[in-house]
N, C-alpha and C. Protein backbone atom coordinates (compact mmCIF):
# COMPACT_ATOMS: atom_id res chain seq x y z
N UNK A 1 184.48 45.07 0.60
CA UNK A 1 185.91 44.83 0.55
C UNK A 1 186.17 43.33 0.70
N UNK A 2 186.77 42.73 -0.32
CA UNK A 2 187.08 41.30 -0.32
C UNK A 2 188.40 41.06 0.39
N UNK A 3 188.39 40.18 1.39
CA UNK A 3 189.66 39.90 2.08
C UNK A 3 190.51 38.97 1.21
N UNK A 4 191.81 39.09 1.36
CA UNK A 4 192.72 38.31 0.52
C UNK A 4 192.69 36.84 0.95
N UNK A 5 192.60 35.93 -0.03
CA UNK A 5 192.59 34.50 0.30
C UNK A 5 193.84 34.00 1.03
N UNK A 6 194.96 34.74 0.93
CA UNK A 6 196.20 34.29 1.58
C UNK A 6 196.16 34.51 3.09
N UNK A 7 195.09 35.11 3.58
CA UNK A 7 194.89 35.35 5.01
C UNK A 7 195.93 36.27 5.65
N UNK A 8 196.43 37.21 4.85
CA UNK A 8 197.38 38.20 5.37
C UNK A 8 196.70 39.20 6.28
N UNK A 9 195.37 39.30 6.16
CA UNK A 9 194.63 40.31 6.91
C UNK A 9 194.34 41.55 6.09
N UNK A 10 194.92 41.62 4.90
CA UNK A 10 194.73 42.77 4.01
C UNK A 10 193.61 42.48 3.00
N UNK A 11 193.01 43.52 2.46
CA UNK A 11 192.06 43.31 1.37
C UNK A 11 192.80 42.77 0.13
N UNK A 12 192.10 41.98 -0.66
CA UNK A 12 192.69 41.40 -1.87
C UNK A 12 193.31 42.47 -2.77
N UNK A 13 192.64 43.60 -2.94
CA UNK A 13 193.14 44.65 -3.83
C UNK A 13 194.38 45.37 -3.29
N UNK A 14 194.74 45.12 -2.04
CA UNK A 14 195.97 45.70 -1.48
C UNK A 14 197.05 44.64 -1.27
N UNK A 15 196.70 43.38 -1.45
CA UNK A 15 197.63 42.29 -1.15
C UNK A 15 198.02 41.55 -2.44
N UNK A 16 197.32 40.48 -2.74
CA UNK A 16 197.67 39.65 -3.91
C UNK A 16 197.09 40.16 -5.22
N UNK A 17 196.03 40.93 -5.17
CA UNK A 17 195.39 41.45 -6.38
C UNK A 17 196.35 42.18 -7.31
N UNK A 18 197.14 43.14 -6.80
CA UNK A 18 198.07 43.85 -7.69
C UNK A 18 199.13 42.93 -8.33
N UNK A 19 199.51 41.86 -7.65
CA UNK A 19 200.44 40.90 -8.23
C UNK A 19 199.76 40.12 -9.33
N UNK A 20 198.54 39.66 -9.09
CA UNK A 20 197.78 38.90 -10.11
C UNK A 20 197.53 39.75 -11.35
N UNK A 21 197.36 41.05 -11.16
CA UNK A 21 197.09 41.94 -12.30
C UNK A 21 198.38 42.50 -12.91
N UNK A 22 199.53 42.03 -12.45
CA UNK A 22 200.86 42.46 -12.93
C UNK A 22 201.09 43.96 -12.74
N UNK A 23 200.49 44.51 -11.67
CA UNK A 23 200.71 45.93 -11.34
C UNK A 23 201.99 46.10 -10.51
N UNK A 24 202.42 45.01 -9.89
CA UNK A 24 203.68 45.00 -9.14
C UNK A 24 204.14 43.56 -8.99
N UNK A 25 205.38 43.40 -8.52
CA UNK A 25 205.95 42.07 -8.32
C UNK A 25 206.10 41.78 -6.83
N UNK A 26 206.17 40.51 -6.49
CA UNK A 26 206.38 40.11 -5.11
C UNK A 26 207.76 40.58 -4.66
N UNK A 27 207.83 41.12 -3.46
CA UNK A 27 209.09 41.60 -2.92
C UNK A 27 209.88 40.56 -2.15
N UNK A 28 209.19 39.48 -1.74
CA UNK A 28 209.85 38.42 -0.98
C UNK A 28 209.33 37.07 -1.47
N UNK A 29 210.05 36.01 -1.10
CA UNK A 29 209.61 34.67 -1.45
C UNK A 29 208.28 34.36 -0.80
N UNK A 30 208.09 34.77 0.45
CA UNK A 30 206.80 34.51 1.12
C UNK A 30 205.67 35.23 0.43
N UNK A 31 205.90 36.45 0.02
CA UNK A 31 204.84 37.19 -0.69
C UNK A 31 204.46 36.48 -1.99
N UNK A 32 205.46 35.95 -2.70
CA UNK A 32 205.14 35.20 -3.91
C UNK A 32 204.37 33.93 -3.59
N UNK A 33 204.79 33.21 -2.55
CA UNK A 33 204.09 31.98 -2.16
C UNK A 33 202.64 32.30 -1.80
N UNK A 34 202.41 33.36 -1.04
CA UNK A 34 201.04 33.75 -0.67
C UNK A 34 200.22 34.10 -1.91
N UNK A 35 200.84 34.80 -2.85
CA UNK A 35 200.11 35.20 -4.07
C UNK A 35 199.80 33.96 -4.92
N UNK A 36 200.68 32.99 -4.91
CA UNK A 36 200.42 31.75 -5.66
C UNK A 36 199.28 30.95 -5.00
N UNK A 37 199.27 30.91 -3.67
CA UNK A 37 198.16 30.25 -2.98
C UNK A 37 196.85 30.95 -3.37
N UNK A 38 196.84 32.27 -3.31
CA UNK A 38 195.63 33.02 -3.70
C UNK A 38 195.24 32.74 -5.14
N UNK A 39 196.23 32.54 -5.99
CA UNK A 39 195.95 32.22 -7.40
C UNK A 39 195.29 30.85 -7.53
N UNK A 40 195.70 29.90 -6.70
CA UNK A 40 195.01 28.61 -6.69
C UNK A 40 193.57 28.77 -6.22
N UNK A 41 193.35 29.56 -5.18
CA UNK A 41 192.00 29.81 -4.68
C UNK A 41 191.12 30.42 -5.77
N UNK A 42 191.69 31.39 -6.51
CA UNK A 42 190.93 32.13 -7.51
C UNK A 42 191.02 31.52 -8.92
N UNK A 43 191.74 30.41 -9.03
CA UNK A 43 191.91 29.69 -10.32
C UNK A 43 192.57 30.56 -11.38
N UNK A 44 193.68 31.17 -10.99
CA UNK A 44 194.46 32.03 -11.88
C UNK A 44 195.63 31.23 -12.44
N UNK A 45 195.35 30.26 -13.31
CA UNK A 45 196.38 29.36 -13.83
C UNK A 45 197.47 30.12 -14.58
N UNK A 46 197.12 31.15 -15.29
CA UNK A 46 198.11 31.93 -16.05
C UNK A 46 199.14 32.56 -15.11
N UNK A 47 198.68 33.09 -14.00
CA UNK A 47 199.60 33.68 -13.02
C UNK A 47 200.52 32.61 -12.44
N UNK A 48 199.96 31.44 -12.15
CA UNK A 48 200.78 30.36 -11.58
C UNK A 48 201.88 29.97 -12.56
N UNK A 49 201.54 29.80 -13.82
CA UNK A 49 202.55 29.45 -14.82
C UNK A 49 203.58 30.56 -14.99
N UNK A 50 203.13 31.80 -14.98
CA UNK A 50 204.01 32.94 -15.17
C UNK A 50 205.02 33.10 -14.03
N UNK A 51 204.64 32.66 -12.83
CA UNK A 51 205.54 32.81 -11.67
C UNK A 51 206.30 31.53 -11.36
N UNK A 52 206.24 30.56 -12.24
CA UNK A 52 206.95 29.29 -12.10
C UNK A 52 208.28 29.41 -12.82
N UNK A 53 209.35 28.96 -12.21
CA UNK A 53 210.67 29.02 -12.83
C UNK A 53 210.67 28.22 -14.13
N UNK A 54 211.25 28.77 -15.22
CA UNK A 54 211.24 28.07 -16.51
C UNK A 54 211.83 26.66 -16.47
N UNK A 55 212.77 26.40 -15.58
CA UNK A 55 213.42 25.08 -15.53
C UNK A 55 212.50 23.99 -14.97
N UNK A 56 211.46 24.37 -14.27
CA UNK A 56 210.56 23.39 -13.66
C UNK A 56 209.09 23.59 -14.04
N UNK A 57 208.81 24.60 -14.82
CA UNK A 57 207.43 24.95 -15.19
C UNK A 57 206.80 23.89 -16.09
N UNK A 58 205.58 23.45 -15.76
CA UNK A 58 204.88 22.52 -16.66
C UNK A 58 204.44 23.26 -17.92
N UNK A 59 204.15 22.50 -18.94
CA UNK A 59 203.69 23.08 -20.20
C UNK A 59 202.32 23.73 -20.03
N UNK A 60 201.46 23.06 -19.25
CA UNK A 60 200.12 23.58 -18.99
C UNK A 60 199.73 23.23 -17.57
N UNK A 61 198.65 23.83 -17.13
CA UNK A 61 198.20 23.60 -15.76
C UNK A 61 196.68 23.59 -15.75
N UNK A 62 196.10 22.47 -15.35
CA UNK A 62 194.65 22.37 -15.23
C UNK A 62 194.31 22.31 -13.75
N UNK A 63 193.48 23.24 -13.31
CA UNK A 63 193.10 23.30 -11.90
C UNK A 63 191.76 22.57 -11.73
N UNK A 64 191.70 21.73 -10.72
CA UNK A 64 190.50 20.94 -10.43
C UNK A 64 189.37 21.88 -9.99
N UNK A 65 188.28 21.94 -10.76
CA UNK A 65 187.19 22.85 -10.42
C UNK A 65 186.45 22.45 -9.14
N UNK A 66 186.61 21.20 -8.69
CA UNK A 66 185.95 20.75 -7.46
C UNK A 66 186.73 21.12 -6.20
N UNK A 67 188.02 21.37 -6.36
CA UNK A 67 188.90 21.63 -5.21
C UNK A 67 188.73 23.08 -4.74
N UNK A 68 188.49 23.25 -3.45
CA UNK A 68 188.33 24.57 -2.84
C UNK A 68 189.38 24.72 -1.74
N UNK A 69 190.32 25.63 -1.95
CA UNK A 69 191.34 25.93 -0.95
C UNK A 69 190.74 26.95 0.00
N UNK A 70 190.88 26.71 1.33
CA UNK A 70 190.22 27.61 2.27
C UNK A 70 191.09 28.10 3.43
N UNK A 71 192.30 27.60 3.57
CA UNK A 71 193.14 28.06 4.69
C UNK A 71 194.60 27.87 4.36
N UNK A 72 195.41 28.85 4.71
CA UNK A 72 196.85 28.80 4.51
C UNK A 72 197.53 29.11 5.84
N UNK A 73 198.43 28.24 6.24
CA UNK A 73 199.26 28.47 7.43
C UNK A 73 200.72 28.48 6.99
N UNK A 74 201.38 29.61 7.16
CA UNK A 74 202.81 29.68 6.89
C UNK A 74 203.52 29.22 8.16
N UNK A 75 204.30 28.15 8.03
CA UNK A 75 204.93 27.52 9.19
C UNK A 75 206.35 28.03 9.44
N UNK A 76 207.09 28.32 8.37
CA UNK A 76 208.47 28.78 8.52
C UNK A 76 208.93 29.40 7.22
N UNK A 77 209.97 30.21 7.32
CA UNK A 77 210.60 30.78 6.13
C UNK A 77 212.09 30.87 6.37
N UNK A 78 212.85 30.61 5.32
CA UNK A 78 214.30 30.71 5.36
C UNK A 78 214.73 31.61 4.22
N UNK A 79 215.51 32.61 4.52
CA UNK A 79 215.96 33.57 3.52
C UNK A 79 214.76 34.12 2.75
N UNK A 80 214.92 34.46 1.50
CA UNK A 80 213.80 34.92 0.70
C UNK A 80 213.46 36.38 0.85
N UNK A 81 214.37 37.16 1.43
CA UNK A 81 214.12 38.59 1.62
C UNK A 81 214.34 39.40 0.35
N UNK A 82 214.05 40.68 0.40
CA UNK A 82 214.14 41.55 -0.79
C UNK A 82 215.53 41.61 -1.45
N UNK A 83 216.58 41.35 -0.68
CA UNK A 83 217.93 41.44 -1.23
C UNK A 83 218.59 40.09 -1.43
N UNK A 84 217.84 39.01 -1.22
CA UNK A 84 218.39 37.67 -1.36
C UNK A 84 217.99 37.05 -2.70
N UNK A 85 218.67 35.98 -3.07
CA UNK A 85 218.40 35.36 -4.37
C UNK A 85 217.73 34.00 -4.26
N UNK A 86 217.57 33.48 -3.04
CA UNK A 86 216.86 32.22 -2.87
C UNK A 86 216.13 32.25 -1.55
N UNK A 87 215.14 31.38 -1.45
CA UNK A 87 214.36 31.30 -0.22
C UNK A 87 213.52 30.04 -0.18
N UNK A 88 213.11 29.69 1.03
CA UNK A 88 212.26 28.52 1.26
C UNK A 88 211.11 28.97 2.14
N UNK A 89 209.90 28.57 1.80
CA UNK A 89 208.73 28.83 2.62
C UNK A 89 208.03 27.52 2.88
N UNK A 90 207.83 27.22 4.15
CA UNK A 90 207.15 26.00 4.56
C UNK A 90 205.72 26.36 4.93
N UNK A 91 204.76 25.63 4.39
CA UNK A 91 203.37 25.97 4.64
C UNK A 91 202.48 24.75 4.64
N UNK A 92 201.27 24.95 5.13
CA UNK A 92 200.21 23.96 5.08
C UNK A 92 198.99 24.66 4.51
N UNK A 93 198.35 24.03 3.52
CA UNK A 93 197.14 24.58 2.90
C UNK A 93 196.03 23.55 3.00
N UNK A 94 194.85 24.00 3.42
CA UNK A 94 193.71 23.09 3.59
C UNK A 94 192.77 23.23 2.40
N UNK A 95 192.16 22.08 2.02
CA UNK A 95 191.26 22.06 0.88
C UNK A 95 190.03 21.19 1.17
N UNK A 96 189.01 21.44 0.36
CA UNK A 96 187.78 20.63 0.35
C UNK A 96 187.46 20.29 -1.09
N UNK A 97 186.90 19.12 -1.28
CA UNK A 97 186.39 18.70 -2.59
C UNK A 97 185.16 17.85 -2.30
N UNK A 98 183.99 18.43 -2.48
CA UNK A 98 182.77 17.73 -2.10
C UNK A 98 182.76 17.50 -0.60
N UNK A 99 182.67 16.22 -0.19
CA UNK A 99 182.66 15.91 1.24
C UNK A 99 184.07 15.57 1.76
N UNK A 100 185.02 15.51 0.86
CA UNK A 100 186.42 15.20 1.27
C UNK A 100 187.11 16.47 1.76
N UNK A 101 188.02 16.30 2.71
CA UNK A 101 188.85 17.40 3.19
C UNK A 101 190.29 16.88 3.27
N UNK A 102 191.21 17.79 3.07
CA UNK A 102 192.60 17.38 3.17
C UNK A 102 193.50 18.58 3.33
N UNK A 103 194.78 18.30 3.35
CA UNK A 103 195.75 19.39 3.45
C UNK A 103 196.98 19.05 2.63
N UNK A 104 197.64 20.08 2.20
CA UNK A 104 198.91 19.93 1.48
C UNK A 104 199.98 20.61 2.30
N UNK A 105 201.00 19.85 2.64
CA UNK A 105 202.18 20.40 3.32
C UNK A 105 203.28 20.50 2.28
N UNK A 106 204.00 21.61 2.30
CA UNK A 106 205.08 21.77 1.32
C UNK A 106 206.18 22.68 1.86
N UNK A 107 207.40 22.37 1.46
CA UNK A 107 208.55 23.28 1.62
C UNK A 107 208.88 23.75 0.21
N UNK A 108 208.41 24.94 -0.12
CA UNK A 108 208.60 25.49 -1.47
C UNK A 108 209.93 26.22 -1.56
N UNK A 109 210.61 25.98 -2.67
CA UNK A 109 211.87 26.70 -2.94
C UNK A 109 211.60 27.76 -3.99
N UNK A 110 212.21 28.93 -3.77
CA UNK A 110 212.05 30.06 -4.67
C UNK A 110 213.42 30.60 -5.06
N UNK A 111 213.48 31.18 -6.24
CA UNK A 111 214.72 31.79 -6.74
C UNK A 111 214.35 33.16 -7.30
N UNK A 112 215.21 34.14 -7.02
CA UNK A 112 215.00 35.47 -7.57
C UNK A 112 215.97 35.68 -8.70
N UNK A 113 215.43 35.97 -9.88
CA UNK A 113 216.25 36.20 -11.06
C UNK A 113 215.76 37.48 -11.73
N UNK A 114 216.70 38.35 -12.09
CA UNK A 114 216.34 39.61 -12.72
C UNK A 114 215.43 40.44 -11.86
N UNK A 115 215.58 40.34 -10.53
CA UNK A 115 214.75 41.09 -9.61
C UNK A 115 213.36 40.53 -9.42
N UNK A 116 213.10 39.33 -9.92
CA UNK A 116 211.76 38.74 -9.87
C UNK A 116 211.80 37.39 -9.18
N UNK A 117 210.95 37.21 -8.16
CA UNK A 117 210.85 35.93 -7.48
C UNK A 117 210.07 34.95 -8.33
N UNK A 118 210.56 33.69 -8.36
CA UNK A 118 209.91 32.61 -9.10
C UNK A 118 209.86 31.36 -8.24
N UNK A 119 208.79 30.60 -8.38
CA UNK A 119 208.64 29.31 -7.69
C UNK A 119 209.50 28.28 -8.41
N UNK A 120 210.36 27.61 -7.67
CA UNK A 120 211.22 26.60 -8.27
C UNK A 120 210.61 25.21 -8.14
N UNK A 121 210.40 24.76 -6.92
CA UNK A 121 209.77 23.46 -6.68
C UNK A 121 209.42 23.32 -5.22
N UNK A 122 208.81 22.19 -4.88
CA UNK A 122 208.43 21.95 -3.51
C UNK A 122 208.54 20.49 -3.15
N UNK A 123 208.70 20.25 -1.86
CA UNK A 123 208.78 18.87 -1.37
C UNK A 123 208.01 18.73 -0.09
C-alpha cells in the first residue's frame, strides 16, 4: 500500500489517486491543494494544468526531473469548504535537488466554478 505524498495519512489510492485519475473531484480547496502537491511529487503535469484556473493557467508546464518534493505542511486555510466559492490555503513544501535542499512557502488562492475547485494563483 503506497502512502499518499500529500501526507494525509491515507493510502494514495484512497486520497489523491482518484483525483489524479479523474474518478472524482476535490471537495475542498485544501483537498485540491494537496492533490496538486501530490501531482508535483508524481510529475503529473497534465493534472496540474487541468486543475489550474483558465485565467492564470500557463500554456505548458515542464517539471524539473531533478527536483524531489518530500514534505508538505499545511499551515492555515481560509474558507474553501464544500459550499464556498473561494478559498486560501497556506503551506510549506520541502524539496531536494541533488545536494541542495529548499522549501517553497505559498498562500494559494482557489476558486470553485461549476462545482469544481481550481487553483487561481499563489503568493
